Amino acid sequence: GGGLVQAGGSLRLSCAASGRTFSN
């Protein structure tokens, strides 16, 4: 989700996890 944006703008980063106990 990273990238180039002008001041005042918005970005949304995501982090995808692989594993069996992410909720903990």
PDB file of all heavy atoms in Angstrom:
ATOM      1  N   GLY A   1       0.773  -1.223   0.000  1.00  0.00           N
ATOM      2  CA  GLY A   1       0.000   0.000   0.000  1.00  0.00           C
ATOM      3  C   GLY A   1       0.809   1.280   0.000  1.00  0.00           C
ATOM      4  O   GLY A   1       0.234   2.373  -0.076  1.00  0.00           O
ATOM      5  N   GLY A   2       2.128   1.184   0.087  1.00  0.00           N
ATOM      6  CA  GLY A   2       2.959   2.376   0.061  1.00  0.00           C
ATOM      7  C   GLY A   2       2.989   3.004  -1.318  1.00  0.00           C
ATOM      8  O   GLY A   2       2.553   2.414  -2.306  1.00  0.00           O
ATOM      9  N   GLY A   3       3.515   4.229  -1.384  1.00  0.00           N
ATOM     10  CA  GLY A   3       3.601   4.926  -2.651  1.00  0.00           C
ATOM     11  C   GLY A   3       3.918   6.386  -2.473  1.00  0.00           C
ATOM     12  O   GLY A   3       4.348   6.823  -1.407  1.00  0.00           O
ATOM     13  N   LEU A   4       3.695   7.152  -3.537  1.00  0.00           N
ATOM     14  CA  LEU A   4       3.956   8.589  -3.567  1.00  0.00           C
ATOM     15  C   LEU A   4       2.639   9.345  -3.468  1.00  0.00           C
ATOM     16  O   LEU A   4       1.696   9.052  -4.206  1.00  0.00           O
ATOM     17  CB  LEU A   4       4.688   8.964  -4.852  1.00  0.00           C
ATOM     18  CG  LEU A   4       4.937  10.444  -5.114  1.00  0.00           C
ATOM     19  CD1 LEU A   4       5.871  11.014  -4.050  1.00  0.00           C
ATOM     20  CD2 LEU A   4       5.510  10.640  -6.501  1.00  0.00           C
ATOM     21  N   VAL A   5       2.589  10.322  -2.574  1.00  0.00           N
ATOM     22  CA  VAL A   5       1.382  11.111  -2.382  1.00  0.00           C
ATOM     23  C   VAL A   5       1.770  12.543  -2.043  1.00  0.00           C
ATOM     24  O   VAL A   5       2.828  12.791  -1.463  1.00  0.00           O
ATOM     25  CB  VAL A   5       0.499  10.500  -1.268  1.00  0.00           C
ATOM     26  CG1 VAL A   5       1.209  10.557   0.080  1.00  0.00           C
ATOM     27  CG2 VAL A   5      -0.856  11.186  -1.200  1.00  0.00           C
ATOM     28  N   GLN A   6       0.929  13.492  -2.415  1.00  0.00           N
ATOM     29  CA  GLN A   6       1.172  14.892  -2.091  1.00  0.00           C
ATOM     30  C   GLN A   6       0.797  15.189  -0.644  1.00  0.00           C
ATOM     31  O   GLN A   6      -0.040  14.509  -0.052  1.00  0.00           O
ATOM     32  CB  GLN A   6       0.376  15.811  -3.022  1.00  0.00           C
ATOM     33  CG  GLN A   6       0.831  15.778  -4.469  1.00  0.00           C
ATOM     34  CD  GLN A   6       0.087  16.775  -5.335  1.00  0.00           C
ATOM     35  OE1 GLN A   6      -0.930  17.335  -4.932  1.00  0.00           O
ATOM     36  NE2 GLN A   6       0.589  17.001  -6.537  1.00  0.00           N
ATOM     37  N   ALA A   7       1.435  16.202  -0.080  1.00  0.00           N
ATOM     38  CA  ALA A   7       1.101  16.627   1.277  1.00  0.00           C
ATOM     39  C   ALA A   7      -0.387  16.913   1.390  1.00  0.00           C
ATOM     40  O   ALA A   7      -0.984  17.534   0.507  1.00  0.00           O
ATOM     41  CB  ALA A   7       1.917  17.854   1.660  1.00  0.00           C
ATOM     42  N   GLY A   8      -0.976  16.450   2.483  1.00  0.00           N
ATOM     43  CA  GLY A   8      -2.407  16.589   2.692  1.00  0.00           C
ATOM     44  C   GLY A   8      -3.217  15.413   2.202  1.00  0.00           C
ATOM     45  O   GLY A   8      -4.411  15.312   2.517  1.00  0.00           O
ATOM     46  N   GLY A   9      -2.593  14.514   1.463  1.00  0.00           N
ATOM     47  CA  GLY A   9      -3.274  13.353   0.932  1.00  0.00           C
ATOM     48  C   GLY A   9      -3.329  12.201   1.913  1.00  0.00           C
ATOM     49  O   GLY A   9      -2.934  12.324   3.074  1.00  0.00           O
ATOM     50  N   SER A  10      -3.804  11.049   1.424  1.00  0.00           N
ATOM     51  CA  SER A  10      -4.008   9.878   2.268  1.00  0.00           C
ATOM     52  C   SER A  10      -3.457   8.621   1.614  1.00  0.00           C
ATOM     53  O   SER A  10      -3.398   8.512   0.388  1.00  0.00           O
ATOM     54  CB  SER A  10      -5.502   9.664   2.552  1.00  0.00           C
ATOM     55  OG  SER A  10      -6.067  10.759   3.244  1.00  0.00           O
ATOM     56  N   LEU A  11      -3.060   7.672   2.447  1.00  0.00           N
ATOM     57  CA  LEU A  11      -2.660   6.341   2.031  1.00  0.00           C
ATOM     58  C   LEU A  11      -3.147   5.347   3.071  1.00  0.00           C
ATOM     59  O   LEU A  11      -3.280   5.686   4.249  1.00  0.00           O
ATOM     60  CB  LEU A  11      -1.144   6.210   1.892  1.00  0.00           C
ATOM     61  CG  LEU A  11      -0.461   6.789   0.655  1.00  0.00           C
ATOM     62  CD1 LEU A  11       1.051   6.668   0.804  1.00  0.00           C
ATOM     63  CD2 LEU A  11      -0.923   6.083  -0.605  1.00  0.00           C
ATOM     64  N   ARG A  12      -3.404   4.122   2.633  1.00  0.00           N
ATOM     65  CA  ARG A  12      -3.755   3.043   3.549  1.00  0.00           C
ATOM     66  C   ARG A  12      -2.791   1.890   3.354  1.00  0.00           C
ATOM     67  O   ARG A  12      -2.714   1.299   2.277  1.00  0.00           O
ATOM     68  CB  ARG A  12      -5.190   2.559   3.335  1.00  0.00           C
ATOM     69  CG  ARG A  12      -5.615   1.487   4.348  1.00  0.00           C
ATOM     70  CD  ARG A  12      -7.065   1.096   4.168  1.00  0.00           C
ATOM     71  NE  ARG A  12      -7.307   0.470   2.878  1.00  0.00           N
ATOM     72  CZ  ARG A  12      -8.511   0.222   2.382  1.00  0.00           C
ATOM     73  NH1 ARG A  12      -9.592   0.564   3.077  1.00  0.00           N
ATOM     74  NH2 ARG A  12      -8.643  -0.347   1.202  1.00  0.00           N
ATOM     75  N   LEU A  13      -2.039   1.564   4.398  1.00  0.00           N
ATOM     76  CA  LEU A  13      -1.112   0.457   4.378  1.00  0.00           C
ATOM     77  C   LEU A  13      -1.789  -0.802   4.904  1.00  0.00           C
ATOM     78  O   LEU A  13      -2.633  -0.733   5.801  1.00  0.00           O
ATOM     79  CB  LEU A  13       0.124   0.758   5.222  1.00  0.00           C
ATOM     80  CG  LEU A  13       0.885   2.049   4.900  1.00  0.00           C
ATOM     81  CD1 LEU A  13       2.123   2.152   5.793  1.00  0.00           C
ATOM     82  CD2 LEU A  13       1.262   2.107   3.434  1.00  0.00           C
ATOM     83  N   SER A  14      -1.408  -1.940   4.353  1.00  0.00           N
ATOM     84  CA  SER A  14      -1.921  -3.226   4.803  1.00  0.00           C
ATOM     85  C   SER A  14      -0.769  -4.128   5.190  1.00  0.00           C
ATOM     86  O   SER A  14       0.319  -4.048   4.619  1.00  0.00           O
ATOM     87  CB  SER A  14      -2.753  -3.902   3.708  1.00  0.00           C
ATOM     88  OG  SER A  14      -3.877  -3.133   3.363  1.00  0.00           O
ATOM     89  N   CYS A  15      -1.003  -4.990   6.154  1.00  0.00           N
ATOM     90  CA  CYS A  15      -0.025  -5.974   6.595  1.00  0.00           C
ATOM     91  C   CYS A  15      -0.726  -7.318   6.678  1.00  0.00           C
ATOM     92  O   CYS A  15      -1.572  -7.527   7.559  1.00  0.00           O
ATOM     93  CB  CYS A  15       0.570  -5.579   7.949  1.00  0.00           C
ATOM     94  SG  CYS A  15       1.727  -6.779   8.635  1.00  0.00           S
ATOM     95  N   ALA A  16      -0.392  -8.209   5.771  1.00  0.00           N
ATOM     96  CA  ALA A  16      -0.991  -9.537   5.726  1.00  0.00           C
ATOM     97  C   ALA A  16      -0.115 -10.515   6.491  1.00  0.00           C
ATOM     98  O   ALA A  16       1.088 -10.591   6.249  1.00  0.00           O
ATOM     99  CB  ALA A  16      -1.172  -9.994   4.285  1.00  0.00           C
ATOM    100  N   ALA A  17      -0.721 -11.269   7.386  1.00  0.00           N
ATOM    101  CA  ALA A  17       0.000 -12.205   8.236  1.00  0.00           C
ATOM    102  C   ALA A  17      -0.374 -13.638   7.897  1.00  0.00           C
ATOM    103  O   ALA A  17      -1.545 -13.944   7.648  1.00  0.00           O
ATOM    104  CB  ALA A  17      -0.293 -11.939   9.710  1.00  0.00           C
ATOM    105  N   SER A  18       0.624 -14.491   7.887  1.00  0.00           N
ATOM    106  CA  SER A  18       0.400 -15.927   7.741  1.00  0.00           C
ATOM    107  C   SER A  18       0.818 -16.606   9.035  1.00  0.00           C
ATOM    108  O   SER A  18       1.917 -16.371   9.541  1.00  0.00           O
ATOM    109  CB  SER A  18       1.171 -16.497   6.555  1.00  0.00           C
ATOM    110  OG  SER A  18       2.572 -16.332   6.720  1.00  0.00           O
ATOM    111  N   GLY A  19      -0.060 -17.429   9.564  1.00  0.00           N
ATOM    112  CA  GLY A  19       0.193 -18.099  10.826  1.00  0.00           C
ATOM    113  C   GLY A  19      -1.107 -18.612  11.408  1.00  0.00           C
ATOM    114  O   GLY A  19      -2.189 -18.172  10.999  1.00  0.00           O
ATOM    115  N   ARG A  20      -1.003 -19.491  12.373  1.00  0.00           N
ATOM    116  CA  ARG A  20      -2.189 -20.155  12.900  1.00  0.00           C
ATOM    117  C   ARG A  20      -2.758 -19.483  14.143  1.00  0.00           C
ATOM    118  O   ARG A  20      -3.842 -19.856  14.584  1.00  0.00           O
ATOM    119  CB  ARG A  20      -1.858 -21.621  13.208  1.00  0.00           C
ATOM    120  CG  ARG A  20      -1.339 -22.386  12.004  1.00  0.00           C
ATOM    121  CD  ARG A  20      -1.095 -23.833  12.332  1.00  0.00           C
ATOM    122  NE  ARG A  20      -2.345 -24.545  12.587  1.00  0.00           N
ATOM    123  CZ  ARG A  20      -2.424 -25.842  12.850  1.00  0.00           C
ATOM    124  NH1 ARG A  20      -1.321 -26.574  12.894  1.00  0.00           N
ATOM    125  NH2 ARG A  20      -3.602 -26.403  13.071  1.00  0.00           N
ATOM    126  N   THR A  21      -2.060 -18.492  14.723  1.00  0.00           N
ATOM    127  CA  THR A  21      -2.509 -17.846  15.949  1.00  0.00           C
ATOM    128  C   THR A  21      -2.477 -16.329  15.847  1.00  0.00           C
ATOM    129  O   THR A  21      -2.165 -15.642  16.815  1.00  0.00           O
ATOM    130  CB  THR A  21      -1.653 -18.304  17.146  1.00  0.00           C
ATOM    131  OG1 THR A  21      -0.269 -18.014  16.892  1.00  0.00           O
ATOM    132  CG2 THR A  21      -1.821 -19.788  17.404  1.00  0.00           C
ATOM    133  N   PHE A  22      -2.834 -15.778  14.686  1.00  0.00           N
ATOM    134  CA  PHE A  22      -2.789 -14.336  14.471  1.00  0.00           C
ATOM    135  C   PHE A  22      -3.639 -13.586  15.485  1.00  0.00           C
ATOM    136  O   PHE A  22      -3.273 -12.488  15.930  1.00  0.00           O
ATOM    137  CB  PHE A  22      -3.240 -13.997  13.051  1.00  0.00           C
ATOM    138  CG  PHE A  22      -3.308 -12.523  12.777  1.00  0.00           C
ATOM    139  CD1 PHE A  22      -2.152 -11.798  12.553  1.00  0.00           C
ATOM    140  CD2 PHE A  22      -4.528 -11.864  12.744  1.00  0.00           C
ATOM    141  CE1 PHE A  22      -2.209 -10.434  12.298  1.00  0.00           C
ATOM    142  CE2 PHE A  22      -4.596 -10.504  12.484  1.00  0.00           C
ATOM    143  CZ  PHE A  22      -3.433  -9.793  12.263  1.00  0.00           C
ATOM    144  N   SER A  23      -4.777 -14.146  15.878  1.00  0.00           N
ATOM    145  CA  SER A  23      -5.678 -13.466  16.792  1.00  0.00           C
ATOM    146  C   SER A  23      -5.092 -13.294  18.188  1.00  0.00           C
ATOM    147  O   SER A  23      -5.651 -12.551  18.999  1.00  0.00           O
ATOM    148  CB  SER A  23      -7.010 -14.211  16.887  1.00  0.00           C
ATOM    149  OG  SER A  23      -6.823 -15.522  17.385  1.00  0.00           O
ATOM    150  N   ASN A  24      -3.986 -13.944  18.495  1.00  0.00           N
ATOM    151  CA  ASN A  24      -3.320 -13.824  19.786  1.00  0.00           C
ATOM    152  C   ASN A  24      -2.050 -12.982  19.713  1.00  0.00           C
ATOM    153  O   ASN A  24      -1.204 -13.073  20.597  1.00  0.00           O
ATOM    154  CB  ASN A  24      -2.980 -15.204  20.355  1.00  0.00           C
ATOM    155  CG  ASN A  24      -4.205 -15.948  20.826  1.00  0.00           C
ATOM    156  OD1 ASN A  24      -5.222 -15.341  21.155  1.00  0.00           O
ATOM    157  ND2 ASN A  24      -4.117 -17.269  20.874  1.00  0.00           N
TER     158      ASN A  24
END
